[in-house]
């Protein structure tokens, strides 16, 4: 997907793809709160509440216009179904 222009996924920017942030993730509520705050403030991202690493927001990634293919947590272009785990 690197550099490929494609449409945004059919979901709100506030909702990451389940393959990038599973519904049972221990810090999901804190992560989504930090992400929502970054979106509301039109910031490029936020500090992950658990690791302290800087995470790009879906809004920033959408404005870039392309998917970089690096597995971003809030990638607004990922629209494939999550893979089945055996």
PDB file of N, CA and C in Angstrom:
ATOM      1  N   UNK A   1       0.807  -1.207   0.000  1.00  0.00           N
ATOM      2  CA  UNK A   1       0.000   0.000   0.000  1.00  0.00           C
ATOM      3  C   UNK A   1       0.843   1.260   0.000  1.00  0.00           C
ATOM      4  N   UNK A   2       2.117   1.171   0.089  1.00  0.00           N
ATOM      5  CA  UNK A   2       2.970   2.335   0.212  1.00  0.00           C
ATOM      6  C   UNK A   2       2.709   3.364  -0.871  1.00  0.00           C
ATOM      7  N   UNK A   3       2.340   4.578  -0.441  1.00  0.00           N
ATOM      8  CA  UNK A   3       2.122   5.678  -1.356  1.00  0.00           C
ATOM      9  C   UNK A   3       0.916   5.552  -2.256  1.00  0.00           C
ATOM     10  N   UNK A   4       0.153   4.515  -2.098  1.00  0.00           N
ATOM     11  CA  UNK A   4      -0.994   4.276  -2.967  1.00  0.00           C
ATOM     12  C   UNK A   4      -2.161   5.180  -2.598  1.00  0.00           C
ATOM     13  N   UNK A   5      -2.675   5.911  -3.566  1.00  0.00           N
ATOM     14  CA  UNK A   5      -3.863   6.739  -3.330  1.00  0.00           C
ATOM     15  C   UNK A   5      -5.074   5.825  -3.334  1.00  0.00           C
ATOM     16  N   UNK A   6      -5.865   5.920  -2.282  1.00  0.00           N
ATOM     17  CA  UNK A   6      -7.055   5.102  -2.191  1.00  0.00           C
ATOM     18  C   UNK A   6      -8.074   5.827  -1.330  1.00  0.00           C
ATOM     19  N   UNK A   7      -9.329   5.442  -1.417  1.00  0.00           N
ATOM     20  CA  UNK A   7     -10.351   6.124  -0.616  1.00  0.00           C
ATOM     21  C   UNK A   7     -10.220   5.765   0.861  1.00  0.00           C
ATOM     22  N   UNK A   8     -10.757   6.639   1.689  1.00  0.00           N
ATOM     23  CA  UNK A   8     -10.789   6.354   3.120  1.00  0.00           C
ATOM     24  C   UNK A   8     -11.718   5.173   3.369  1.00  0.00           C
ATOM     25  N   UNK A   9     -11.437   4.426   4.412  1.00  0.00           N
ATOM     26  CA  UNK A   9     -12.284   3.298   4.801  1.00  0.00           C
ATOM     27  C   UNK A   9     -13.659   3.808   5.213  1.00  0.00           C
ATOM     28  N   UNK A  10     -14.641   2.955   5.120  1.00  0.00           N
ATOM     29  CA  UNK A  10     -16.022   3.313   5.444  1.00  0.00           C
ATOM     30  C   UNK A  10     -16.280   3.147   6.944  1.00  0.00           C
ATOM     31  N   UNK A  11     -15.638   3.999   7.738  1.00  0.00           N
ATOM     32  CA  UNK A  11     -15.849   4.043   9.185  1.00  0.00           C
ATOM     33  C   UNK A  11     -15.395   5.414   9.674  1.00  0.00           C
ATOM     34  N   UNK A  12     -15.883   5.851  10.827  1.00  0.00           N
ATOM     35  CA  UNK A  12     -15.477   7.161  11.341  1.00  0.00           C
ATOM     36  C   UNK A  12     -13.979   7.198  11.661  1.00  0.00           C
ATOM     37  N   UNK A  13     -13.376   8.354  11.550  1.00  0.00           N
ATOM     38  CA  UNK A  13     -11.958   8.499  11.881  1.00  0.00           C
ATOM     39  C   UNK A  13     -11.689   8.176  13.351  1.00  0.00           C
ATOM     40  N   UNK A  14     -12.713   8.249  14.172  1.00  0.00           N
ATOM     41  CA  UNK A  14     -12.554   7.963  15.600  1.00  0.00           C
ATOM     42  C   UNK A  14     -12.462   6.472  15.895  1.00  0.00           C
ATOM     43  N   UNK A  15     -12.786   5.642  14.918  1.00  0.00           N
ATOM     44  CA  UNK A  15     -12.817   4.189  15.140  1.00  0.00           C
ATOM     45  C   UNK A  15     -11.707   3.483  14.362  1.00  0.00           C
ATOM     46  N   UNK A  16     -10.657   3.010  15.055  1.00  0.00           N
ATOM     47  CA  UNK A  16      -9.594   2.292  14.353  1.00  0.00           C
ATOM     48  C   UNK A  16     -10.051   0.916  13.889  1.00  0.00           C
ATOM     49  N   UNK A  17      -9.405   0.409  12.868  1.00  0.00           N
ATOM     50  CA  UNK A  17      -9.711  -0.931  12.371  1.00  0.00           C
ATOM     51  C   UNK A  17      -9.403  -1.940  13.484  1.00  0.00           C
ATOM     52  N   UNK A  18     -10.247  -2.960  13.656  1.00  0.00           N
ATOM     53  CA  UNK A  18     -10.035  -3.941  14.730  1.00  0.00           C
ATOM     54  C   UNK A  18      -8.691  -4.660  14.671  1.00  0.00           C
ATOM     55  N   UNK A  19      -8.106  -4.753  13.490  1.00  0.00           N
ATOM     56  CA  UNK A  19      -6.793  -5.404  13.400  1.00  0.00           C
ATOM     57  C   UNK A  19      -5.685  -4.510  13.957  1.00  0.00           C
ATOM     58  N   UNK A  20      -5.953  -3.214  14.089  1.00  0.00           N
ATOM     59  CA  UNK A  20      -4.952  -2.269  14.590  1.00  0.00           C
ATOM     60  C   UNK A  20      -5.145  -1.944  16.075  1.00  0.00           C
ATOM     61  N   UNK A  21      -6.386  -2.040  16.557  1.00  0.00           N
ATOM     62  CA  UNK A  21      -6.674  -1.827  17.980  1.00  0.00           C
ATOM     63  C   UNK A  21      -7.881  -2.700  18.335  1.00  0.00           C
ATOM     64  N   UNK A  22      -7.610  -3.922  18.777  1.00  0.00           N
ATOM     65  CA  UNK A  22      -8.698  -4.853  19.082  1.00  0.00           C
ATOM     66  C   UNK A  22      -9.614  -4.331  20.187  1.00  0.00           C
ATOM     67  N   UNK A  23     -10.861  -4.766  20.149  1.00  0.00           N
ATOM     68  CA  UNK A  23     -11.846  -4.319  21.135  1.00  0.00           C
ATOM     69  C   UNK A  23     -11.500  -4.762  22.551  1.00  0.00           C
ATOM     70  N   UNK A  24     -10.678  -5.796  22.698  1.00  0.00           N
ATOM     71  CA  UNK A  24     -10.305  -6.273  24.025  1.00  0.00           C
ATOM     72  C   UNK A  24      -8.935  -5.767  24.496  1.00  0.00           C
ATOM     73  N   UNK A  25      -8.358  -4.804  23.786  1.00  0.00           N
ATOM     74  CA  UNK A  25      -7.062  -4.237  24.180  1.00  0.00           C
ATOM     75  C   UNK A  25      -7.191  -3.596  25.558  1.00  0.00           C
ATOM     76  N   UNK A  26      -6.270  -3.883  26.441  1.00  0.00           N
ATOM     77  CA  UNK A  26      -6.336  -3.417  27.833  1.00  0.00           C
ATOM     78  C   UNK A  26      -6.437  -1.898  27.959  1.00  0.00           C
ATOM     79  N   UNK A  27      -5.793  -1.164  27.088  1.00  0.00           N
ATOM     80  CA  UNK A  27      -5.779   0.301  27.174  1.00  0.00           C
ATOM     81  C   UNK A  27      -6.662   0.964  26.127  1.00  0.00           C
ATOM     82  N   UNK A  28      -7.579   0.217  25.518  1.00  0.00           N
ATOM     83  CA  UNK A  28      -8.395   0.747  24.428  1.00  0.00           C
ATOM     84  C   UNK A  28      -9.121   2.044  24.798  1.00  0.00           C
ATOM     85  N   UNK A  29      -9.779   2.086  25.941  1.00  0.00           N
ATOM     86  CA  UNK A  29     -10.539   3.285  26.322  1.00  0.00           C
ATOM     87  C   UNK A  29      -9.620   4.493  26.466  1.00  0.00           C
ATOM     88  N   UNK A  30      -8.474   4.310  27.085  1.00  0.00           N
ATOM     89  CA  UNK A  30      -7.519   5.424  27.257  1.00  0.00           C
ATOM     90  C   UNK A  30      -6.942   5.863  25.917  1.00  0.00           C
ATOM     91  N   UNK A  31      -6.651   4.903  25.058  1.00  0.00           N
ATOM     92  CA  UNK A  31      -6.112   5.212  23.729  1.00  0.00           C
ATOM     93  C   UNK A  31      -7.135   5.991  22.914  1.00  0.00           C
ATOM     94  N   UNK A  32      -8.379   5.506  22.901  1.00  0.00           N
ATOM     95  CA  UNK A  32      -9.420   6.187  22.126  1.00  0.00           C
ATOM     96  C   UNK A  32      -9.697   7.585  22.671  1.00  0.00           C
ATOM     97  N   UNK A  33      -9.632   7.767  23.984  1.00  0.00           N
ATOM     98  CA  UNK A  33      -9.827   9.105  24.564  1.00  0.00           C
ATOM     99  C   UNK A  33      -8.708  10.047  24.115  1.00  0.00           C
ATOM    100  N   UNK A  34      -7.475   9.575  24.146  1.00  0.00           N
ATOM    101  CA  UNK A  34      -6.343  10.406  23.712  1.00  0.00           C
ATOM    102  C   UNK A  34      -6.450  10.711  22.218  1.00  0.00           C
ATOM    103  N   UNK A  35      -6.857   9.735  21.428  1.00  0.00           N
ATOM    104  CA  UNK A  35      -6.996   9.932  19.991  1.00  0.00           C
ATOM    105  C   UNK A  35      -8.121  10.917  19.680  1.00  0.00           C
ATOM    106  N   UNK A  36      -9.249  10.772  20.350  1.00  0.00           N
ATOM    107  CA  UNK A  36     -10.377  11.679  20.137  1.00  0.00           C
ATOM    108  C   UNK A  36      -9.991  13.109  20.492  1.00  0.00           C
ATOM    109  N   UNK A  37      -9.238  13.275  21.575  1.00  0.00           N
ATOM    110  CA  UNK A  37      -8.776  14.614  21.963  1.00  0.00           C
ATOM    111  C   UNK A  37      -7.847  15.197  20.901  1.00  0.00           C
ATOM    112  N   UNK A  38      -6.971  14.375  20.342  1.00  0.00           N
ATOM    113  CA  UNK A  38      -6.066  14.847  19.285  1.00  0.00           C
ATOM    114  C   UNK A  38      -6.848  15.243  18.043  1.00  0.00           C
ATOM    115  N   UNK A  39      -7.862  14.454  17.682  1.00  0.00           N
ATOM    116  CA  UNK A  39      -8.696  14.804  16.532  1.00  0.00           C
ATOM    117  C   UNK A  39      -9.415  16.131  16.767  1.00  0.00           C
ATOM    118  N   UNK A  40     -10.002  16.288  17.955  1.00  0.00           N
ATOM    119  CA  UNK A  40     -10.748  17.510  18.265  1.00  0.00           C
ATOM    120  C   UNK A  40      -9.859  18.748  18.245  1.00  0.00           C
ATOM    121  N   UNK A  41      -8.609  18.589  18.646  1.00  0.00           N
ATOM    122  CA  UNK A  41      -7.667  19.708  18.675  1.00  0.00           C
ATOM    123  C   UNK A  41      -6.922  19.870  17.349  1.00  0.00           C
ATOM    124  N   UNK A  42      -7.242  19.020  16.358  1.00  0.00           N
ATOM    125  CA  UNK A  42      -6.582  19.030  15.057  1.00  0.00           C
ATOM    126  C   UNK A  42      -5.068  18.873  15.193  1.00  0.00           C
ATOM    127  N   UNK A  43      -4.661  17.998  16.122  1.00  0.00           N
ATOM    128  CA  UNK A  43      -3.241  17.724  16.344  1.00  0.00           C
ATOM    129  C   UNK A  43      -2.813  16.529  15.495  1.00  0.00           C
ATOM    130  N   UNK A  44      -1.540  16.451  15.212  1.00  0.00           N
ATOM    131  CA  UNK A  44      -1.008  15.364  14.389  1.00  0.00           C
ATOM    132  C   UNK A  44      -1.105  14.014  15.081  1.00  0.00           C
ATOM    133  N   UNK A  45      -1.141  14.005  16.393  1.00  0.00           N
ATOM    134  CA  UNK A  45      -1.198  12.747  17.114  1.00  0.00           C
ATOM    135  C   UNK A  45      -1.251  12.960  18.609  1.00  0.00           C
ATOM    136  N   UNK A  46      -0.902  11.917  19.342  1.00  0.00           N
ATOM    137  CA  UNK A  46      -0.976  11.938  20.805  1.00  0.00           C
ATOM    138  C   UNK A  46       0.084  10.991  21.363  1.00  0.00           C
ATOM    139  N   UNK A  47       0.343  11.127  22.657  1.00  0.00           N
ATOM    140  CA  UNK A  47       1.247  10.203  23.323  1.00  0.00           C
ATOM    141  C   UNK A  47       0.450   9.003  23.791  1.00  0.00           C
ATOM    142  N   UNK A  48       0.890   7.814  23.400  1.00  0.00           N
ATOM    143  CA  UNK A  48       0.214   6.589  23.809  1.00  0.00           C
ATOM    144  C   UNK A  48       0.214   6.513  25.333  1.00  0.00           C
ATOM    145  N   UNK A  49      -0.963   6.315  25.940  1.00  0.00           N
ATOM    146  CA  UNK A  49      -1.052   6.303  27.400  1.00  0.00           C
ATOM    147  C   UNK A  49      -0.231   5.195  28.062  1.00  0.00           C
ATOM    148  N   UNK A  50       0.014   4.102  27.382  1.00  0.00           N
ATOM    149  CA  UNK A  50       0.755   2.999  27.985  1.00  0.00           C
ATOM    150  C   UNK A  50       2.257   3.080  27.715  1.00  0.00           C
ATOM    151  N   UNK A  51       2.630   3.337  26.457  1.00  0.00           N
ATOM    152  CA  UNK A  51       4.055   3.304  26.087  1.00  0.00           C
ATOM    153  C   UNK A  51       4.727   4.664  26.096  1.00  0.00           C
ATOM    154  N   UNK A  52       3.935   5.736  25.960  1.00  0.00           N
ATOM    155  CA  UNK A  52       4.520   7.071  25.867  1.00  0.00           C
ATOM    156  C   UNK A  52       5.001   7.421  24.463  1.00  0.00           C
ATOM    157  N   UNK A  53       4.850   6.508  23.515  1.00  0.00           N
ATOM    158  CA  UNK A  53       5.264   6.776  22.136  1.00  0.00           C
ATOM    159  C   UNK A  53       4.254   7.687  21.445  1.00  0.00           C
ATOM    160  N   UNK A  54       4.721   8.469  20.483  1.00  0.00           N
ATOM    161  CA  UNK A  54       3.845   9.352  19.722  1.00  0.00           C
ATOM    162  C   UNK A  54       3.137   8.544  18.647  1.00  0.00           C
ATOM    163  N   UNK A  55       1.808   8.663  18.587  1.00  0.00           N
ATOM    164  CA  UNK A  55       0.980   7.918  17.636  1.00  0.00           C
ATOM    165  C   UNK A  55       0.251   8.928  16.749  1.00  0.00           C
ATOM    166  N   UNK A  56       0.346   8.758  15.445  1.00  0.00           N
ATOM    167  CA  UNK A  56      -0.324   9.663  14.513  1.00  0.00           C
ATOM    168  C   UNK A  56      -1.831   9.458  14.544  1.00  0.00           C
ATOM    169  N   UNK A  57      -2.563  10.553  14.428  1.00  0.00           N
ATOM    170  CA  UNK A  57      -4.028  10.482  14.435  1.00  0.00           C
ATOM    171  C   UNK A  57      -4.553  10.134  13.042  1.00  0.00           C
ATOM    172  N   UNK A  58      -5.769   9.612  13.010  1.00  0.00           N
ATOM    173  CA  UNK A  58      -6.415   9.298  11.738  1.00  0.00           C
ATOM    174  C   UNK A  58      -6.609  10.559  10.904  1.00  0.00           C
ATOM    175  N   UNK A  59      -6.878  11.686  11.550  1.00  0.00           N
ATOM    176  CA  UNK A  59      -7.044  12.940  10.823  1.00  0.00           C
ATOM    177  C   UNK A  59      -5.778  13.343  10.091  1.00  0.00           C
ATOM    178  N   UNK A  60      -4.643  13.246  10.765  1.00  0.00           N
ATOM    179  CA  UNK A  60      -3.364  13.572  10.142  1.00  0.00           C
ATOM    180  C   UNK A  60      -3.088  12.631   8.971  1.00  0.00           C
ATOM    181  N   UNK A  61      -3.299  11.345   9.211  1.00  0.00           N
ATOM    182  CA  UNK A  61      -3.040  10.354   8.166  1.00  0.00           C
ATOM    183  C   UNK A  61      -3.966  10.544   6.967  1.00  0.00           C
ATOM    184  N   UNK A  62      -5.215  10.902   7.218  1.00  0.00           N
ATOM    185  CA  UNK A  62      -6.161  11.145   6.121  1.00  0.00           C
ATOM    186  C   UNK A  62      -5.739  12.352   5.295  1.00  0.00           C
ATOM    187  N   UNK A  63      -5.262  13.399   5.953  1.00  0.00           N
ATOM    188  CA  UNK A  63      -4.823  14.600   5.222  1.00  0.00           C
ATOM    189  C   UNK A  63      -3.601  14.323   4.357  1.00  0.00           C
ATOM    190  N   UNK A  64      -2.791  13.330   4.732  1.00  0.00           N
ATOM    191  CA  UNK A  64      -1.628  12.966   3.909  1.00  0.00           C
ATOM    192  C   UNK A  64      -2.067  12.446   2.554  1.00  0.00           C
ATOM    193  N   UNK A  65      -3.211  11.782   2.508  1.00  0.00           N
ATOM    194  CA  UNK A  65      -3.764  11.345   1.235  1.00  0.00           C
ATOM    195  C   UNK A  65      -3.355   9.978   0.754  1.00  0.00           C
ATOM    196  N   UNK A  66      -2.421   9.335   1.420  1.00  0.00           N
ATOM    197  CA  UNK A  66      -1.985   8.004   1.013  1.00  0.00           C
ATOM    198  C   UNK A  66      -1.672   7.149   2.240  1.00  0.00           C
ATOM    199  N   UNK A  67      -1.707   5.856   2.037  1.00  0.00           N
ATOM    200  CA  UNK A  67      -1.310   4.911   3.080  1.00  0.00           C
ATOM    201  C   UNK A  67       0.186   4.651   2.936  1.00  0.00           C
ATOM    202  N   UNK A  68       0.908   4.697   4.033  1.00  0.00           N
ATOM    203  CA  UNK A  68       2.350   4.464   3.982  1.00  0.00           C
ATOM    204  C   UNK A  68       2.695   2.982   4.093  1.00  0.00           C
ATOM    205  N   UNK A  69       1.725   2.155   4.506  1.00  0.00           N
ATOM    206  CA  UNK A  69       1.964   0.734   4.607  1.00  0.00           C
ATOM    207  C   UNK A  69       2.745   0.307   5.829  1.00  0.00           C
ATOM    208  N   UNK A  70       2.870   1.179   6.834  1.00  0.00           N
ATOM    209  CA  UNK A  70       3.669   0.867   8.022  1.00  0.00           C
ATOM    210  C   UNK A  70       2.855   0.340   9.192  1.00  0.00           C
ATOM    211  N   UNK A  71       1.574   0.128   8.999  1.00  0.00           N
ATOM    212  CA  UNK A  71       0.763  -0.457  10.063  1.00  0.00           C
ATOM    213  C   UNK A  71       0.318   0.527  11.126  1.00  0.00           C
ATOM    214  N   UNK A  72       0.098   1.767  10.767  1.00  0.00           N
ATOM    215  CA  UNK A  72      -0.321   2.786  11.737  1.00  0.00           C
ATOM    216  C   UNK A  72      -1.605   2.373  12.455  1.00  0.00           C
ATOM    217  N   UNK A  73      -1.646   2.609  13.756  1.00  0.00           N
ATOM    218  CA  UNK A  73      -2.795   2.227  14.581  1.00  0.00           C
ATOM    219  C   UNK A  73      -4.098   2.821  14.073  1.00  0.00           C
ATOM    220  N   UNK A  74      -4.073   4.080  13.654  1.00  0.00           N
ATOM    221  CA  UNK A  74      -5.304   4.771  13.251  1.00  0.00           C
ATOM    222  C   UNK A  74      -5.390   4.984  11.746  1.00  0.00           C
ATOM    223  N   UNK A  75      -4.748   4.109  10.968  1.00  0.00           N
ATOM    224  CA  UNK A  75      -4.772   4.254   9.509  1.00  0.00           C
ATOM    225  C   UNK A  75      -6.211   4.325   9.001  1.00  0.00           C
ATOM    226  N   UNK A  76      -6.573   5.424   8.345  1.00  0.00           N
ATOM    227  CA  UNK A  76      -7.942   5.573   7.862  1.00  0.00           C
ATOM    228  C   UNK A  76      -8.194   4.871   6.530  1.00  0.00           C
ATOM    229  N   UNK A  77      -7.183   4.193   6.008  1.00  0.00           N
ATOM    230  CA  UNK A  77      -7.316   3.530   4.708  1.00  0.00           C
ATOM    231  C   UNK A  77      -7.561   2.028   4.835  1.00  0.00           C
ATOM    232  N   UNK A  78      -7.254   1.440   5.978  1.00  0.00           N
ATOM    233  CA  UNK A  78      -7.428  -0.002   6.173  1.00  0.00           C
ATOM    234  C   UNK A  78      -8.896  -0.323   6.179  1.00  0.00           C
ATOM    235  N   UNK A  79      -9.320  -1.159   5.242  1.00  0.00           N
ATOM    236  CA  UNK A  79     -10.734  -1.507   5.182  1.00  0.00           C
ATOM    237  C   UNK A  79     -10.958  -3.004   4.996  1.00  0.00           C
ATOM    238  N   UNK A  80      -9.869  -3.782   4.942  1.00  0.00           N
ATOM    239  CA  UNK A  80     -10.039  -5.218   4.792  1.00  0.00           C
ATOM    240  C   UNK A  80     -10.474  -5.830   6.121  1.00  0.00           C
ATOM    241  N   UNK A  81     -11.186  -6.944   6.081  1.00  0.00           N
ATOM    242  CA  UNK A  81     -11.622  -7.561   7.322  1.00  0.00           C
ATOM    243  C   UNK A  81     -10.423  -8.070   8.108  1.00  0.00           C
ATOM    244  N   UNK A  82     -10.513  -8.088   9.438  1.00  0.00           N
ATOM    245  CA  UNK A  82      -9.380  -8.608  10.222  1.00  0.00           C
ATOM    246  C   UNK A  82      -9.135 -10.070   9.875  1.00  0.00           C
ATOM    247  N   UNK A  83      -7.869 -10.452   9.874  1.00  0.00           N
ATOM    248  CA  UNK A  83      -7.541 -11.833   9.520  1.00  0.00           C
ATOM    249  C   UNK A  83      -7.986 -12.790  10.627  1.00  0.00           C
ATOM    250  N   UNK A  84      -8.374 -13.975  10.204  1.00  0.00           N
ATOM    251  CA  UNK A  84      -8.790 -15.008  11.156  1.00  0.00           C
ATOM    252  C   UNK A  84      -7.548 -15.568  11.842  1.00  0.00           C
ATOM    253  N   UNK A  85      -7.625 -15.725  13.145  1.00  0.00           N
ATOM    254  CA  UNK A  85      -6.512 -16.299  13.878  1.00  0.00           C
ATOM    255  C   UNK A  85      -6.815 -17.770  14.143  1.00  0.00           C
ATOM    256  N   UNK A  86      -5.851 -18.619  13.876  1.00  0.00           N
ATOM    257  CA  UNK A  86      -6.050 -20.055  14.077  1.00  0.00           C
ATOM    258  C   UNK A  86      -5.770 -20.470  15.496  1.00  0.00           C
TER     259      UNK A  86
END
